[in-house]
PDB file of all heavy atoms in Angstrom:
ATOM      1  N   GLY A   1     -66.237 141.925 -39.813  1.00  0.00           N
ATOM      2  CA  GLY A   1     -65.823 140.584 -39.436  1.00  0.00           C
ATOM      3  C   GLY A   1     -65.812 139.634 -40.617  1.00  0.00           C
ATOM      4  O   GLY A   1     -64.893 138.819 -40.779  1.00  0.00           O
ATOM      5  N   ARG A   2     -66.823 139.746 -41.478  1.00  0.00           N
ATOM      6  CA  ARG A   2     -66.887 138.882 -42.658  1.00  0.00           C
ATOM      7  C   ARG A   2     -65.726 139.159 -43.605  1.00  0.00           C
ATOM      8  O   ARG A   2     -65.160 138.245 -44.203  1.00  0.00           O
ATOM      9  CB  ARG A   2     -68.214 139.076 -43.384  1.00  0.00           C
ATOM     10  CG  ARG A   2     -69.424 138.544 -42.636  1.00  0.00           C
ATOM     11  CD  ARG A   2     -70.664 138.561 -43.516  1.00  0.00           C
ATOM     12  NE  ARG A   2     -71.850 138.184 -42.743  1.00  0.00           N
ATOM     13  CZ  ARG A   2     -72.729 139.039 -42.259  1.00  0.00           C
ATOM     14  NH1 ARG A   2     -72.558 140.334 -42.461  1.00  0.00           N
ATOM     15  NH2 ARG A   2     -73.774 138.630 -41.576  1.00  0.00           N
ATOM     16  N   VAL A   3     -65.392 140.450 -43.762  1.00  0.00           N
ATOM     17  CA  VAL A   3     -64.279 140.810 -44.633  1.00  0.00           C
ATOM     18  C   VAL A   3     -62.987 140.191 -44.117  1.00  0.00           C
ATOM     19  O   VAL A   3     -62.191 139.623 -44.883  1.00  0.00           O
ATOM     20  CB  VAL A   3     -64.146 142.343 -44.739  1.00  0.00           C
ATOM     21  CG1 VAL A   3     -62.842 142.724 -45.442  1.00  0.00           C
ATOM     22  CG2 VAL A   3     -65.329 142.927 -45.487  1.00  0.00           C
ATOM     23  N   LEU A   4     -62.753 140.276 -42.822  1.00  0.00           N
ATOM     24  CA  LEU A   4     -61.546 139.711 -42.233  1.00  0.00           C
ATOM     25  C   LEU A   4     -61.502 138.193 -42.387  1.00  0.00           C
ATOM     26  O   LEU A   4     -60.497 137.626 -42.819  1.00  0.00           O
ATOM     27  CB  LEU A   4     -61.462 140.097 -40.759  1.00  0.00           C
ATOM     28  CG  LEU A   4     -61.039 141.539 -40.468  1.00  0.00           C
ATOM     29  CD1 LEU A   4     -61.377 141.925 -39.041  1.00  0.00           C
ATOM     30  CD2 LEU A   4     -59.542 141.710 -40.720  1.00  0.00           C
ATOM     31  N   LEU A   5     -62.583 137.525 -42.060  1.00  0.00           N
ATOM     32  CA  LEU A   5     -62.599 136.065 -42.108  1.00  0.00           C
ATOM     33  C   LEU A   5     -62.532 135.523 -43.531  1.00  0.00           C
ATOM     34  O   LEU A   5     -62.066 134.404 -43.752  1.00  0.00           O
ATOM     35  CB  LEU A   5     -63.844 135.526 -41.391  1.00  0.00           C
ATOM     36  CG  LEU A   5     -63.840 135.725 -39.871  1.00  0.00           C
ATOM     37  CD1 LEU A   5     -65.169 135.267 -39.272  1.00  0.00           C
ATOM     38  CD2 LEU A   5     -62.695 134.955 -39.228  1.00  0.00           C
ATOM     39  N   ALA A   6     -62.973 136.331 -44.491  1.00  0.00           N
ATOM     40  CA  ALA A   6     -62.905 135.895 -45.884  1.00  0.00           C
ATOM     41  C   ALA A   6     -61.471 135.651 -46.326  1.00  0.00           C
ATOM     42  O   ALA A   6     -61.208 134.826 -47.206  1.00  0.00           O
ATOM     43  CB  ALA A   6     -63.564 136.926 -46.798  1.00  0.00           C
ATOM     44  N   SER A   7     -60.519 136.348 -45.705  1.00  0.00           N
ATOM     45  CA  SER A   7     -59.118 136.175 -46.088  1.00  0.00           C
ATOM     46  C   SER A   7     -58.634 134.759 -45.796  1.00  0.00           C
ATOM     47  O   SER A   7     -57.746 134.250 -46.484  1.00  0.00           O
ATOM     48  CB  SER A   7     -58.243 137.188 -45.346  1.00  0.00           C
ATOM     49  OG  SER A   7     -58.240 136.949 -43.949  1.00  0.00           O
ATOM     50  N   ILE A   8     -59.217 134.123 -44.783  1.00  0.00           N
ATOM     51  CA  ILE A   8     -58.826 132.754 -44.444  1.00  0.00           C
ATOM     52  C   ILE A   8     -59.758 131.744 -45.095  1.00  0.00           C
ATOM     53  O   ILE A   8     -59.309 130.724 -45.627  1.00  0.00           O
ATOM     54  CB  ILE A   8     -58.823 132.559 -42.912  1.00  0.00           C
ATOM     55  CG1 ILE A   8     -57.779 133.477 -42.270  1.00  0.00           C
ATOM     56  CG2 ILE A   8     -58.547 131.100 -42.551  1.00  0.00           C
ATOM     57  CD1 ILE A   8     -57.732 133.409 -40.773  1.00  0.00           C
ATOM     58  N   ASN A   9     -61.038 132.034 -45.087  1.00  0.00           N
ATOM     59  CA  ASN A   9     -61.996 131.068 -45.620  1.00  0.00           C
ATOM     60  C   ASN A   9     -61.808 130.795 -47.104  1.00  0.00           C
ATOM     61  O   ASN A   9     -62.170 129.724 -47.592  1.00  0.00           O
ATOM     62  CB  ASN A   9     -63.428 131.558 -45.351  1.00  0.00           C
ATOM     63  CG  ASN A   9     -63.784 131.530 -43.878  1.00  0.00           C
ATOM     64  OD1 ASN A   9     -63.250 130.733 -43.117  1.00  0.00           O
ATOM     65  ND2 ASN A   9     -64.684 132.401 -43.463  1.00  0.00           N
ATOM     66  N   SER A  10     -61.270 131.760 -47.825  1.00  0.00           N
ATOM     67  CA  SER A  10     -61.054 131.571 -49.262  1.00  0.00           C
ATOM     68  C   SER A  10     -59.664 131.045 -49.588  1.00  0.00           C
ATOM     69  O   SER A  10     -59.370 130.727 -50.739  1.00  0.00           O
ATOM     70  CB  SER A  10     -61.270 132.898 -50.000  1.00  0.00           C
ATOM     71  OG  SER A  10     -60.289 133.852 -49.602  1.00  0.00           O
ATOM     72  N   MET A  11     -58.812 130.938 -48.599  1.00  0.00           N
ATOM     73  CA  MET A  11     -57.409 130.658 -48.853  1.00  0.00           C
ATOM     74  C   MET A  11     -57.155 129.287 -49.477  1.00  0.00           C
ATOM     75  O   MET A  11     -56.251 129.115 -50.293  1.00  0.00           O
ATOM     76  CB  MET A  11     -56.600 130.799 -47.564  1.00  0.00           C
ATOM     77  CG  MET A  11     -55.104 130.917 -47.804  1.00  0.00           C
ATOM     78  SD  MET A  11     -54.199 131.232 -46.286  1.00  0.00           S
ATOM     79  CE  MET A  11     -54.865 132.823 -45.842  1.00  0.00           C
ATOM     80  N   SER A  12     -57.963 128.308 -49.111  1.00  0.00           N
ATOM     81  CA  SER A  12     -57.734 126.953 -49.626  1.00  0.00           C
ATOM     82  C   SER A  12     -57.916 126.872 -51.133  1.00  0.00           C
ATOM     83  O   SER A  12     -57.422 125.944 -51.775  1.00  0.00           O
ATOM     84  CB  SER A  12     -58.688 125.959 -48.944  1.00  0.00           C
ATOM     85  OG  SER A  12     -60.042 126.265 -49.249  1.00  0.00           O
ATOM     86  N   ARG A  13     -58.607 127.875 -51.724  1.00  0.00           N
ATOM     87  CA  ARG A  13     -58.865 127.850 -53.166  1.00  0.00           C
ATOM     88  C   ARG A  13     -57.718 128.432 -53.989  1.00  0.00           C
ATOM     89  O   ARG A  13     -57.676 128.227 -55.200  1.00  0.00           O
ATOM     90  CB  ARG A  13     -60.168 128.605 -53.471  1.00  0.00           C
ATOM     91  CG  ARG A  13     -61.409 127.961 -52.856  1.00  0.00           C
ATOM     92  CD  ARG A  13     -62.677 128.503 -53.485  1.00  0.00           C
ATOM     93  NE  ARG A  13     -62.928 129.883 -53.145  1.00  0.00           N
ATOM     94  CZ  ARG A  13     -63.618 130.279 -52.062  1.00  0.00           C
ATOM     95  NH1 ARG A  13     -64.107 129.379 -51.240  1.00  0.00           N
ATOM     96  NH2 ARG A  13     -63.815 131.568 -51.822  1.00  0.00           N
ATOM     97  N   TRP A  14     -56.809 129.164 -53.331  1.00  0.00           N
ATOM     98  CA  TRP A  14     -55.751 129.785 -54.134  1.00  0.00           C
ATOM     99  C   TRP A  14     -54.360 129.747 -53.503  1.00  0.00           C
ATOM    100  O   TRP A  14     -53.355 129.792 -54.220  1.00  0.00           O
ATOM    101  CB  TRP A  14     -56.108 131.253 -54.421  1.00  0.00           C
ATOM    102  CG  TRP A  14     -56.222 132.107 -53.186  1.00  0.00           C
ATOM    103  CD1 TRP A  14     -57.339 132.355 -52.452  1.00  0.00           C
ATOM    104  CD2 TRP A  14     -55.159 132.824 -52.542  1.00  0.00           C
ATOM    105  NE1 TRP A  14     -57.055 133.171 -51.386  1.00  0.00           N
ATOM    106  CE2 TRP A  14     -55.717 133.489 -51.424  1.00  0.00           C
ATOM    107  CE3 TRP A  14     -53.791 132.987 -52.805  1.00  0.00           C
ATOM    108  CZ2 TRP A  14     -54.961 134.275 -50.569  1.00  0.00           C
ATOM    109  CZ3 TRP A  14     -53.032 133.778 -51.952  1.00  0.00           C
ATOM    110  CH2 TRP A  14     -53.630 134.412 -50.851  1.00  0.00           C
ATOM    111  N   HIS A  15     -54.277 129.650 -52.187  1.00  0.00           N
ATOM    112  CA  HIS A  15     -52.969 129.729 -51.534  1.00  0.00           C
ATOM    113  C   HIS A  15     -52.209 128.417 -51.648  1.00  0.00           C
ATOM    114  O   HIS A  15     -52.761 127.335 -51.409  1.00  0.00           O
ATOM    115  CB  HIS A  15     -53.134 130.089 -50.056  1.00  0.00           C
ATOM    116  CG  HIS A  15     -51.834 130.170 -49.318  1.00  0.00           C
ATOM    117  ND1 HIS A  15     -51.387 129.164 -48.492  1.00  0.00           N
ATOM    118  CD2 HIS A  15     -50.873 131.129 -49.307  1.00  0.00           C
ATOM    119  CE1 HIS A  15     -50.219 129.495 -47.987  1.00  0.00           C
ATOM    120  NE2 HIS A  15     -49.878 130.679 -48.461  1.00  0.00           N
ATOM    121  N   LYS A  16     -50.939 128.494 -52.004  1.00  0.00           N
ATOM    122  CA  LYS A  16     -50.071 127.321 -52.095  1.00  0.00           C
ATOM    123  C   LYS A  16     -49.221 127.246 -50.830  1.00  0.00           C
ATOM    124  O   LYS A  16     -48.462 128.186 -50.535  1.00  0.00           O
ATOM    125  CB  LYS A  16     -49.176 127.410 -53.334  1.00  0.00           C
ATOM    126  CG  LYS A  16     -49.926 127.315 -54.654  1.00  0.00           C
ATOM    127  CD  LYS A  16     -48.962 127.397 -55.837  1.00  0.00           C
ATOM    128  CE  LYS A  16     -49.694 127.131 -57.151  1.00  0.00           C
ATOM    129  NZ  LYS A  16     -50.811 128.057 -57.369  1.00  0.00           N
ATOM    130  N   PRO A  17     -49.348 126.155 -50.061  1.00  0.00           N
ATOM    131  CA  PRO A  17     -48.608 126.051 -48.792  1.00  0.00           C
ATOM    132  C   PRO A  17     -47.106 126.262 -48.946  1.00  0.00           C
ATOM    133  O   PRO A  17     -46.454 126.757 -48.031  1.00  0.00           O
ATOM    134  CB  PRO A  17     -48.929 124.621 -48.328  1.00  0.00           C
ATOM    135  CG  PRO A  17     -50.234 124.306 -48.960  1.00  0.00           C
ATOM    136  CD  PRO A  17     -50.214 124.994 -50.294  1.00  0.00           C
ATOM    137  N   GLN A  18     -46.536 125.880 -50.107  1.00  0.00           N
ATOM    138  CA  GLN A  18     -45.103 126.029 -50.317  1.00  0.00           C
ATOM    139  C   GLN A  18     -44.762 127.301 -51.083  1.00  0.00           C
ATOM    140  O   GLN A  18     -43.660 127.434 -51.615  1.00  0.00           O
ATOM    141  CB  GLN A  18     -44.570 124.809 -51.091  1.00  0.00           C
ATOM    142  CG  GLN A  18     -44.883 123.476 -50.455  1.00  0.00           C
ATOM    143  CD  GLN A  18     -44.449 123.390 -49.001  1.00  0.00           C
ATOM    144  OE1 GLN A  18     -43.377 123.864 -48.644  1.00  0.00           O
ATOM    145  NE2 GLN A  18     -45.278 122.783 -48.162  1.00  0.00           N
ATOM    146  N   GLY A  19     -45.700 128.223 -51.160  1.00  0.00           N
ATOM    147  CA  GLY A  19     -45.496 129.453 -51.909  1.00  0.00           C
ATOM    148  C   GLY A  19     -44.637 130.461 -51.180  1.00  0.00           C
ATOM    149  O   GLY A  19     -44.063 130.188 -50.107  1.00  0.00           O
ATOM    150  N   LYS A  20     -44.550 131.657 -51.754  1.00  0.00           N
ATOM    151  CA  LYS A  20     -43.687 132.706 -51.216  1.00  0.00           C
ATOM    152  C   LYS A  20     -44.105 133.118 -49.821  1.00  0.00           C
ATOM    153  O   LYS A  20     -43.263 133.370 -48.949  1.00  0.00           O
ATOM    154  CB  LYS A  20     -43.720 133.913 -52.163  1.00  0.00           C
ATOM    155  CG  LYS A  20     -42.853 135.080 -51.717  1.00  0.00           C
ATOM    156  CD  LYS A  20     -42.937 136.221 -52.723  1.00  0.00           C
ATOM    157  CE  LYS A  20     -42.097 137.420 -52.260  1.00  0.00           C
ATOM    158  NZ  LYS A  20     -42.183 138.548 -53.222  1.00  0.00           N
ATOM    159  N   LEU A  21     -45.401 133.208 -49.580  1.00  0.00           N
ATOM    160  CA  LEU A  21     -45.918 133.625 -48.276  1.00  0.00           C
ATOM    161  C   LEU A  21     -46.627 132.477 -47.584  1.00  0.00           C
ATOM    162  O   LEU A  21     -47.364 131.720 -48.224  1.00  0.00           O
ATOM    163  CB  LEU A  21     -46.893 134.796 -48.429  1.00  0.00           C
ATOM    164  CG  LEU A  21     -46.311 136.185 -48.708  1.00  0.00           C
ATOM    165  CD1 LEU A  21     -47.447 137.175 -48.939  1.00  0.00           C
ATOM    166  CD2 LEU A  21     -45.439 136.660 -47.547  1.00  0.00           C
ATOM    167  N   SER A  22     -46.416 132.359 -46.288  1.00  0.00           N
ATOM    168  CA  SER A  22     -47.176 131.396 -45.499  1.00  0.00           C
ATOM    169  C   SER A  22     -48.599 131.897 -45.340  1.00  0.00           C
ATOM    170  O   SER A  22     -48.905 133.066 -45.640  1.00  0.00           O
ATOM    171  CB  SER A  22     -46.538 131.226 -44.118  1.00  0.00           C
ATOM    172  OG  SER A  22     -46.665 132.437 -43.380  1.00  0.00           O
ATOM    173  N   ALA A  23     -49.477 131.037 -44.865  1.00  0.00           N
ATOM    174  CA  ALA A  23     -50.849 131.460 -44.608  1.00  0.00           C
ATOM    175  C   ALA A  23     -50.877 132.608 -43.597  1.00  0.00           C
ATOM    176  O   ALA A  23     -51.611 133.581 -43.748  1.00  0.00           O
ATOM    177  CB  ALA A  23     -51.680 130.284 -44.108  1.00  0.00           C
ATOM    178  N   SER A  24     -50.044 132.500 -42.571  1.00  0.00           N
ATOM    179  CA  SER A  24     -49.991 133.558 -41.564  1.00  0.00           C
ATOM    180  C   SER A  24     -49.462 134.861 -42.164  1.00  0.00           C
ATOM    181  O   SER A  24     -49.931 135.953 -41.822  1.00  0.00           O
ATOM    182  CB  SER A  24     -49.103 133.125 -40.395  1.00  0.00           C
ATOM    183  OG  SER A  24     -49.671 132.009 -39.723  1.00  0.00           O
ATOM    184  N   GLY A  25     -48.492 134.752 -43.078  1.00  0.00           N
ATOM    185  CA  GLY A  25     -47.970 135.941 -43.730  1.00  0.00           C
ATOM    186  C   GLY A  25     -49.014 136.630 -44.582  1.00  0.00           C
ATOM    187  O   GLY A  25     -49.096 137.867 -44.616  1.00  0.00           O
ATOM    188  N   VAL A  26     -49.821 135.835 -45.294  1.00  0.00           N
ATOM    189  CA  VAL A  26     -50.901 136.397 -46.107  1.00  0.00           C
ATOM    190  C   VAL A  26     -51.904 137.122 -45.226  1.00  0.00           C
ATOM    191  O   VAL A  26     -52.297 138.267 -45.494  1.00  0.00           O
ATOM    192  CB  VAL A  26     -51.609 135.292 -46.915  1.00  0.00           C
ATOM    193  CG1 VAL A  26     -52.878 135.832 -47.572  1.00  0.00           C
ATOM    194  CG2 VAL A  26     -50.679 134.722 -47.977  1.00  0.00           C
ATOM    195  N   VAL A  27     -52.329 136.460 -44.163  1.00  0.00           N
ATOM    196  CA  VAL A  27     -53.349 137.035 -43.293  1.00  0.00           C
ATOM    197  C   VAL A  27     -52.829 138.270 -42.579  1.00  0.00           C
ATOM    198  O   VAL A  27     -53.566 139.249 -42.394  1.00  0.00           O
ATOM    199  CB  VAL A  27     -53.856 135.980 -42.289  1.00  0.00           C
ATOM    200  CG1 VAL A  27     -54.728 136.618 -41.204  1.00  0.00           C
ATOM    201  CG2 VAL A  27     -54.643 134.903 -43.021  1.00  0.00           C
ATOM    202  N   GLU A  28     -51.552 138.273 -42.206  1.00  0.00           N
ATOM    203  CA  GLU A  28     -50.999 139.450 -41.544  1.00  0.00           C
ATOM    204  C   GLU A  28     -51.067 140.666 -42.467  1.00  0.00           C
ATOM    205  O   GLU A  28     -51.420 141.770 -42.035  1.00  0.00           O
ATOM    206  CB  GLU A  28     -49.566 139.196 -41.108  1.00  0.00           C
ATOM    207  CG  GLU A  28     -48.977 140.370 -40.343  1.00  0.00           C
ATOM    208  CD  GLU A  28     -47.795 139.988 -39.478  1.00  0.00           C
ATOM    209  OE1 GLU A  28     -47.150 138.969 -39.769  1.00  0.00           O
ATOM    210  OE2 GLU A  28     -47.513 140.727 -38.513  1.00  0.00           O
ATOM    211  N   GLN A  29     -50.744 140.479 -43.739  1.00  0.00           N
ATOM    212  CA  GLN A  29     -50.851 141.593 -44.682  1.00  0.00           C
ATOM    213  C   GLN A  29     -52.306 142.032 -44.848  1.00  0.00           C
ATOM    214  O   GLN A  29     -52.611 143.227 -44.919  1.00  0.00           O
ATOM    215  CB  GLN A  29     -50.262 141.196 -46.033  1.00  0.00           C
ATOM    216  CG  GLN A  29     -48.748 141.048 -46.014  1.00  0.00           C
ATOM    217  CD  GLN A  29     -48.143 141.055 -47.401  1.00  0.00           C
ATOM    218  OE1 GLN A  29     -48.722 141.563 -48.353  1.00  0.00           O
ATOM    219  NE2 GLN A  29     -46.949 140.495 -47.522  1.00  0.00           N
ATOM    220  N   PHE A  30     -53.202 141.058 -44.935  1.00  0.00           N
ATOM    221  CA  PHE A  30     -54.626 141.367 -45.100  1.00  0.00           C
ATOM    222  C   PHE A  30     -55.141 142.150 -43.893  1.00  0.00           C
ATOM    223  O   PHE A  30     -55.883 143.132 -44.047  1.00  0.00           O
ATOM    224  CB  PHE A  30     -55.410 140.070 -45.262  1.00  0.00           C
ATOM    225  CG  PHE A  30     -56.758 140.246 -45.890  1.00  0.00           C
ATOM    226  CD1 PHE A  30     -56.944 140.065 -47.251  1.00  0.00           C
ATOM    227  CD2 PHE A  30     -57.866 140.580 -45.132  1.00  0.00           C
ATOM    228  CE1 PHE A  30     -58.194 140.215 -47.837  1.00  0.00           C
ATOM    229  CE2 PHE A  30     -59.109 140.743 -45.698  1.00  0.00           C
ATOM    230  CZ  PHE A  30     -59.277 140.555 -47.051  1.00  0.00           C
ATOM    231  N   VAL A  31     -54.732 141.726 -42.696  1.00  0.00           N
ATOM    232  CA  VAL A  31     -55.160 142.418 -41.478  1.00  0.00           C
ATOM    233  C   VAL A  31     -54.631 143.848 -41.463  1.00  0.00           C
ATOM    234  O   VAL A  31     -55.349 144.784 -41.071  1.00  0.00           O
ATOM    235  CB  VAL A  31     -54.697 141.645 -40.224  1.00  0.00           C
ATOM    236  CG1 VAL A  31     -54.916 142.476 -38.956  1.00  0.00           C
ATOM    237  CG2 VAL A  31     -55.447 140.323 -40.110  1.00  0.00           C
ATOM    238  N   ASP A  32     -53.391 144.041 -41.886  1.00  0.00           N
ATOM    239  CA  ASP A  32     -52.841 145.400 -41.948  1.00  0.00           C
ATOM    240  C   ASP A  32     -53.691 146.295 -42.848  1.00  0.00           C
ATOM    241  O   ASP A  32     -53.957 147.453 -42.517  1.00  0.00           O
ATOM    242  CB  ASP A  32     -51.402 145.360 -42.495  1.00  0.00           C
ATOM    243  CG  ASP A  32     -50.396 144.876 -41.457  1.00  0.00           C
ATOM    244  OD1 ASP A  32     -50.715 144.930 -40.249  1.00  0.00           O
ATOM    245  OD2 ASP A  32     -49.300 144.442 -41.851  1.00  0.00           O
ATOM    246  N   ILE A  33     -54.102 145.748 -43.990  1.00  0.00           N
ATOM    247  CA  ILE A  33     -54.913 146.522 -44.935  1.00  0.00           C
ATOM    248  C   ILE A  33     -56.267 146.871 -44.326  1.00  0.00           C
ATOM    249  O   ILE A  33     -56.719 148.029 -44.379  1.00  0.00           O
ATOM    250  CB  ILE A  33     -55.093 145.745 -46.248  1.00  0.00           C
ATOM    251  CG1 ILE A  33     -53.746 145.602 -46.966  1.00  0.00           C
ATOM    252  CG2 ILE A  33     -56.110 146.431 -47.151  1.00  0.00           C
ATOM    253  CD1 ILE A  33     -53.772 144.624 -48.127  1.00  0.00           C
ATOM    254  N   VAL A  34     -56.929 145.883 -43.736  1.00  0.00           N
ATOM    255  CA  VAL A  34     -58.264 146.113 -43.182  1.00  0.00           C
ATOM    256  C   VAL A  34     -58.207 147.044 -41.972  1.00  0.00           C
ATOM    257  O   VAL A  34     -59.035 147.958 -41.836  1.00  0.00           O
ATOM    258  CB  VAL A  34     -58.935 144.772 -42.813  1.00  0.00           C
ATOM    259  CG1 VAL A  34     -60.278 145.027 -42.115  1.00  0.00           C
ATOM    260  CG2 VAL A  34     -59.148 143.922 -44.058  1.00  0.00           C
ATOM    261  N   LEU A  35     -57.232 146.827 -41.094  1.00  0.00           N
ATOM    262  CA  LEU A  35     -57.134 147.695 -39.926  1.00  0.00           C
ATOM    263  C   LEU A  35     -56.840 149.135 -40.339  1.00  0.00           C
ATOM    264  O   LEU A  35     -57.288 150.082 -39.686  1.00  0.00           O
ATOM    265  CB  LEU A  35     -56.044 147.184 -38.974  1.00  0.00           C
ATOM    266  CG  LEU A  35     -56.392 145.934 -38.157  1.00  0.00           C
ATOM    267  CD1 LEU A  35     -55.215 145.508 -37.311  1.00  0.00           C
ATOM    268  CD2 LEU A  35     -57.614 146.174 -37.272  1.00  0.00           C
ATOM    269  N   GLY A  36     -56.091 149.293 -41.428  1.00  0.00           N
ATOM    270  CA  GLY A  36     -55.847 150.636 -41.925  1.00  0.00           C
ATOM    271  C   GLY A  36     -57.137 151.344 -42.308  1.00  0.00           C
ATOM    272  O   GLY A  36     -57.282 152.558 -42.122  1.00  0.00           O
ATOM    273  N   GLY A  37     -58.104 150.589 -42.816  1.00  0.00           N
ATOM    274  CA  GLY A  37     -59.392 151.170 -43.163  1.00  0.00           C
ATOM    275  C   GLY A  37     -60.301 151.355 -41.978  1.00  0.00           C
ATOM    276  O   GLY A  37     -61.195 152.212 -41.993  1.00  0.00           O
ATOM    277  N   LEU A  38     -60.089 150.546 -40.913  1.00  0.00           N
ATOM    278  CA  LEU A  38     -60.942 150.645 -39.744  1.00  0.00           C
ATOM    279  C   LEU A  38     -60.523 151.776 -38.799  1.00  0.00           C
ATOM    280  O   LEU A  38     -61.366 152.344 -38.087  1.00  0.00           O
ATOM    281  CB  LEU A  38     -60.909 149.325 -38.960  1.00  0.00           C
ATOM    282  CG  LEU A  38     -61.741 148.161 -39.492  1.00  0.00           C
ATOM    283  CD1 LEU A  38     -61.472 146.915 -38.658  1.00  0.00           C
ATOM    284  CD2 LEU A  38     -63.229 148.509 -39.439  1.00  0.00           C
TER     285      LEU A  38
END
């Protein structure tokens, strides 16, 4: 759970709202990676 939530809790320090990926797009990729390991 901590690993998953870290993807959002740390986002304000590096993610640019107008960047290539939206926040939801970033988290969706992160979830795919973590679920693949679970």
